PDB file of N, CA and C in Angstrom:
ATOM      1  N   MET A   1      -4.578   5.389   4.012  1.00  0.00           N
ATOM      2  CA  MET A   1      -4.805   4.683   2.747  1.00  0.00           C
ATOM      3  C   MET A   1      -4.267   5.538   1.580  1.00  0.00           C
ATOM      4  N   VAL A   2      -4.532   6.831   1.667  1.00  0.00           N
ATOM      5  CA  VAL A   2      -4.072   7.711   0.585  1.00  0.00           C
ATOM      6  C   VAL A   2      -2.558   7.682   0.491  1.00  0.00           C
ATOM      7  N   MET A   3      -1.902   7.704   1.670  1.00  0.00           N
ATOM      8  CA  MET A   3      -0.439   7.671   1.684  1.00  0.00           C
ATOM      9  C   MET A   3       0.060   6.388   1.028  1.00  0.00           C
ATOM     10  N   ASP A   4      -0.689   5.284   1.212  1.00  0.00           N
ATOM     11  CA  ASP A   4      -0.275   4.010   0.625  1.00  0.00           C
ATOM     12  C   ASP A   4      -0.213   4.135  -0.895  1.00  0.00           C
ATOM     13  N   SER A   5      -1.204   4.813  -1.484  1.00  0.00           N
ATOM     14  CA  SER A   5      -1.228   4.938  -2.932  1.00  0.00           C
ATOM     15  C   SER A   5       0.019   5.674  -3.400  1.00  0.00           C
ATOM     16  N   SER A   6       0.431   6.702  -2.658  1.00  0.00           N
ATOM     17  CA  SER A   6       1.625   7.452  -3.034  1.00  0.00           C
ATOM     18  C   SER A   6       2.852   6.565  -2.925  1.00  0.00           C
ATOM     19  N   SER A   7       2.887   5.743  -1.881  1.00  0.00           N
ATOM     20  CA  SER A   7       4.047   4.879  -1.679  1.00  0.00           C
ATOM     21  C   SER A   7       4.119   3.832  -2.785  1.00  0.00           C
ATOM     22  N   GLU A   8       2.982   3.505  -3.397  1.00  0.00           N
ATOM     23  CA  GLU A   8       2.998   2.498  -4.473  1.00  0.00           C
ATOM     24  C   GLU A   8       3.980   2.952  -5.559  1.00  0.00           C
ATOM     25  N   ASP A   9       3.945   4.244  -5.867  1.00  0.00           N
ATOM     26  CA  ASP A   9       4.865   4.758  -6.881  1.00  0.00           C
ATOM     27  C   ASP A   9       6.311   4.595  -6.405  1.00  0.00           C
ATOM     28  N   THR A  10       6.528   4.857  -5.121  1.00  0.00           N
ATOM     29  CA  THR A  10       7.895   4.759  -4.582  1.00  0.00           C
ATOM     30  C   THR A  10       8.308   3.292  -4.487  1.00  0.00           C
ATOM     31  N   GLY A  11       7.365   2.442  -4.086  1.00  0.00           N
ATOM     32  CA  GLY A  11       7.695   1.023  -3.951  1.00  0.00           C
ATOM     33  C   GLY A  11       7.064   0.459  -2.697  1.00  0.00           C
ATOM     34  N   THR A  12       6.963  -0.874  -2.622  1.00  0.00           N
ATOM     35  CA  THR A  12       6.340  -1.498  -1.449  1.00  0.00           C
ATOM     36  C   THR A  12       7.296  -1.505  -0.261  1.00  0.00           C
ATOM     37  N   ALA A  13       8.606  -1.583  -0.538  1.00  0.00           N
ATOM     38  CA  ALA A  13       9.602  -1.656   0.541  1.00  0.00           C
ATOM     39  C   ALA A  13       9.466  -0.482   1.509  1.00  0.00           C
ATOM     40  N   PRO A  14       9.373   0.760   1.016  1.00  0.00           N
ATOM     41  CA  PRO A  14       9.252   1.921   1.913  1.00  0.00           C
ATOM     42  C   PRO A  14       8.080   1.768   2.878  1.00  0.00           C
ATOM     43  N   ASP A  15       6.954   1.241   2.397  1.00  0.00           N
ATOM     44  CA  ASP A  15       5.784   1.075   3.270  1.00  0.00           C
ATOM     45  C   ASP A  15       6.136   0.174   4.449  1.00  0.00           C
ATOM     46  N   VAL A  16       6.785  -0.933   4.163  1.00  0.00           N
ATOM     47  CA  VAL A  16       7.148  -1.873   5.228  1.00  0.00           C
ATOM     48  C   VAL A  16       8.128  -1.205   6.183  1.00  0.00           C
ATOM     49  N   ALA A  17       9.051  -0.427   5.629  1.00  0.00           N
ATOM     50  CA  ALA A  17      10.057   0.236   6.462  1.00  0.00           C
ATOM     51  C   ALA A  17       9.363   1.200   7.429  1.00  0.00           C
ATOM     52  N   GLU A  18       8.333   1.887   6.943  1.00  0.00           N
ATOM     53  CA  GLU A  18       7.626   2.838   7.800  1.00  0.00           C
ATOM     54  C   GLU A  18       6.998   2.118   8.986  1.00  0.00           C
ATOM     55  N   GLY A  19       6.677   0.846   8.799  1.00  0.00           N
ATOM     56  CA  GLY A  19       6.076   0.086   9.891  1.00  0.00           C
ATOM     57  C   GLY A  19       4.736  -0.501   9.474  1.00  0.00           C
ATOM     58  N   ALA A  20       4.335  -0.254   8.228  1.00  0.00           N
ATOM     59  CA  ALA A  20       3.058  -0.798   7.765  1.00  0.00           C
ATOM     60  C   ALA A  20       3.191  -2.304   7.570  1.00  0.00           C
ATOM     61  N   ASP A  21       2.178  -3.045   8.000  1.00  0.00           N
ATOM     62  CA  ASP A  21       2.231  -4.506   7.874  1.00  0.00           C
ATOM     63  C   ASP A  21       2.127  -4.904   6.406  1.00  0.00           C
ATOM     64  N   PRO A  22       2.850  -5.934   5.992  1.00  0.00           N
ATOM     65  CA  PRO A  22       2.793  -6.409   4.606  1.00  0.00           C
ATOM     66  C   PRO A  22       1.358  -6.673   4.169  1.00  0.00           C
ATOM     67  N   VAL A  23       0.534  -7.168   5.092  1.00  0.00           N
ATOM     68  CA  VAL A  23      -0.861  -7.468   4.762  1.00  0.00           C
ATOM     69  C   VAL A  23      -1.590  -6.179   4.408  1.00  0.00           C
ATOM     70  N   CYS A  24      -1.377  -5.154   5.210  1.00  0.00           N
ATOM     71  CA  CYS A  24      -2.049  -3.872   4.959  1.00  0.00           C
ATOM     72  C   CYS A  24      -1.645  -3.330   3.590  1.00  0.00           C
ATOM     73  N   VAL A  25      -0.389  -3.522   3.250  1.00  0.00           N
ATOM     74  CA  VAL A  25       0.099  -3.023   1.965  1.00  0.00           C
ATOM     75  C   VAL A  25      -0.581  -3.773   0.823  1.00  0.00           C
ATOM     76  N   THR A  26      -0.763  -5.080   1.010  1.00  0.00           N
ATOM     77  CA  THR A  26      -1.360  -5.888  -0.058  1.00  0.00           C
ATOM     78  C   THR A  26      -2.856  -5.618  -0.186  1.00  0.00           C
ATOM     79  N   VAL A  27      -3.542  -5.465   0.940  1.00  0.00           N
ATOM     80  CA  VAL A  27      -4.991  -5.247   0.909  1.00  0.00           C
ATOM     81  C   VAL A  27      -5.353  -3.932   0.223  1.00  0.00           C
ATOM     82  N   PRO A  28      -4.775  -2.791   0.660  1.00  0.00           N
ATOM     83  CA  PRO A  28      -5.111  -1.514   0.025  1.00  0.00           C
ATOM     84  C   PRO A  28      -4.878  -1.557  -1.487  1.00  0.00           C
ATOM     85  N   VAL A  29      -3.824  -2.214  -1.910  1.00  0.00           N
ATOM     86  CA  VAL A  29      -3.522  -2.268  -3.345  1.00  0.00           C
ATOM     87  C   VAL A  29      -4.610  -3.042  -4.080  1.00  0.00           C
ATOM     88  N   SER A  30      -5.036  -4.172  -3.507  1.00  0.00           N
ATOM     89  CA  SER A  30      -6.043  -4.991  -4.174  1.00  0.00           C
ATOM     90  C   SER A  30      -7.431  -4.358  -4.055  1.00  0.00           C
ATOM     91  N   ALA A  31      -7.729  -3.788  -2.902  1.00  0.00           N
ATOM     92  CA  ALA A  31      -9.060  -3.221  -2.668  1.00  0.00           C
ATOM     93  C   ALA A  31      -9.382  -2.091  -3.650  1.00  0.00           C
ATOM     94  N   PRO A  32      -8.541  -1.045  -3.718  1.00  0.00           N
ATOM     95  CA  PRO A  32      -8.832   0.069  -4.631  1.00  0.00           C
ATOM     96  C   PRO A  32      -9.012  -0.408  -6.070  1.00  0.00           C
ATOM     97  N   VAL A  33      -8.211  -1.370  -6.481  1.00  0.00           N
ATOM     98  CA  VAL A  33      -8.299  -1.856  -7.862  1.00  0.00           C
ATOM     99  C   VAL A  33      -9.621  -2.583  -8.086  1.00  0.00           C
ATOM    100  N   ALA A  34     -10.033  -3.358  -7.068  1.00  0.00           N
ATOM    101  CA  ALA A  34     -11.254  -4.146  -7.222  1.00  0.00           C
ATOM    102  C   ALA A  34     -12.493  -3.262  -7.090  1.00  0.00           C
ATOM    103  N   VAL A  35     -12.477  -2.316  -6.161  1.00  0.00           N
ATOM    104  CA  VAL A  35     -13.660  -1.476  -5.930  1.00  0.00           C
ATOM    105  C   VAL A  35     -13.984  -0.604  -7.133  1.00  0.00           C
ATOM    106  N   PRO A  36     -13.044   0.242  -7.574  1.00  0.00           N
ATOM    107  CA  PRO A  36     -13.330   1.099  -8.741  1.00  0.00           C
ATOM    108  C   PRO A  36     -13.189   0.316 -10.036  1.00  0.00           C
TER     109      PRO A  36
END
């Protein structure tokens, strides 16, 4: 999850390239924003 936050700065494309599912990328982004 922490790595996802770093990738946000780089962009969403790199996350998908690494093999992360688009859903996982969308959930972590929405979850951290909603929780805190």
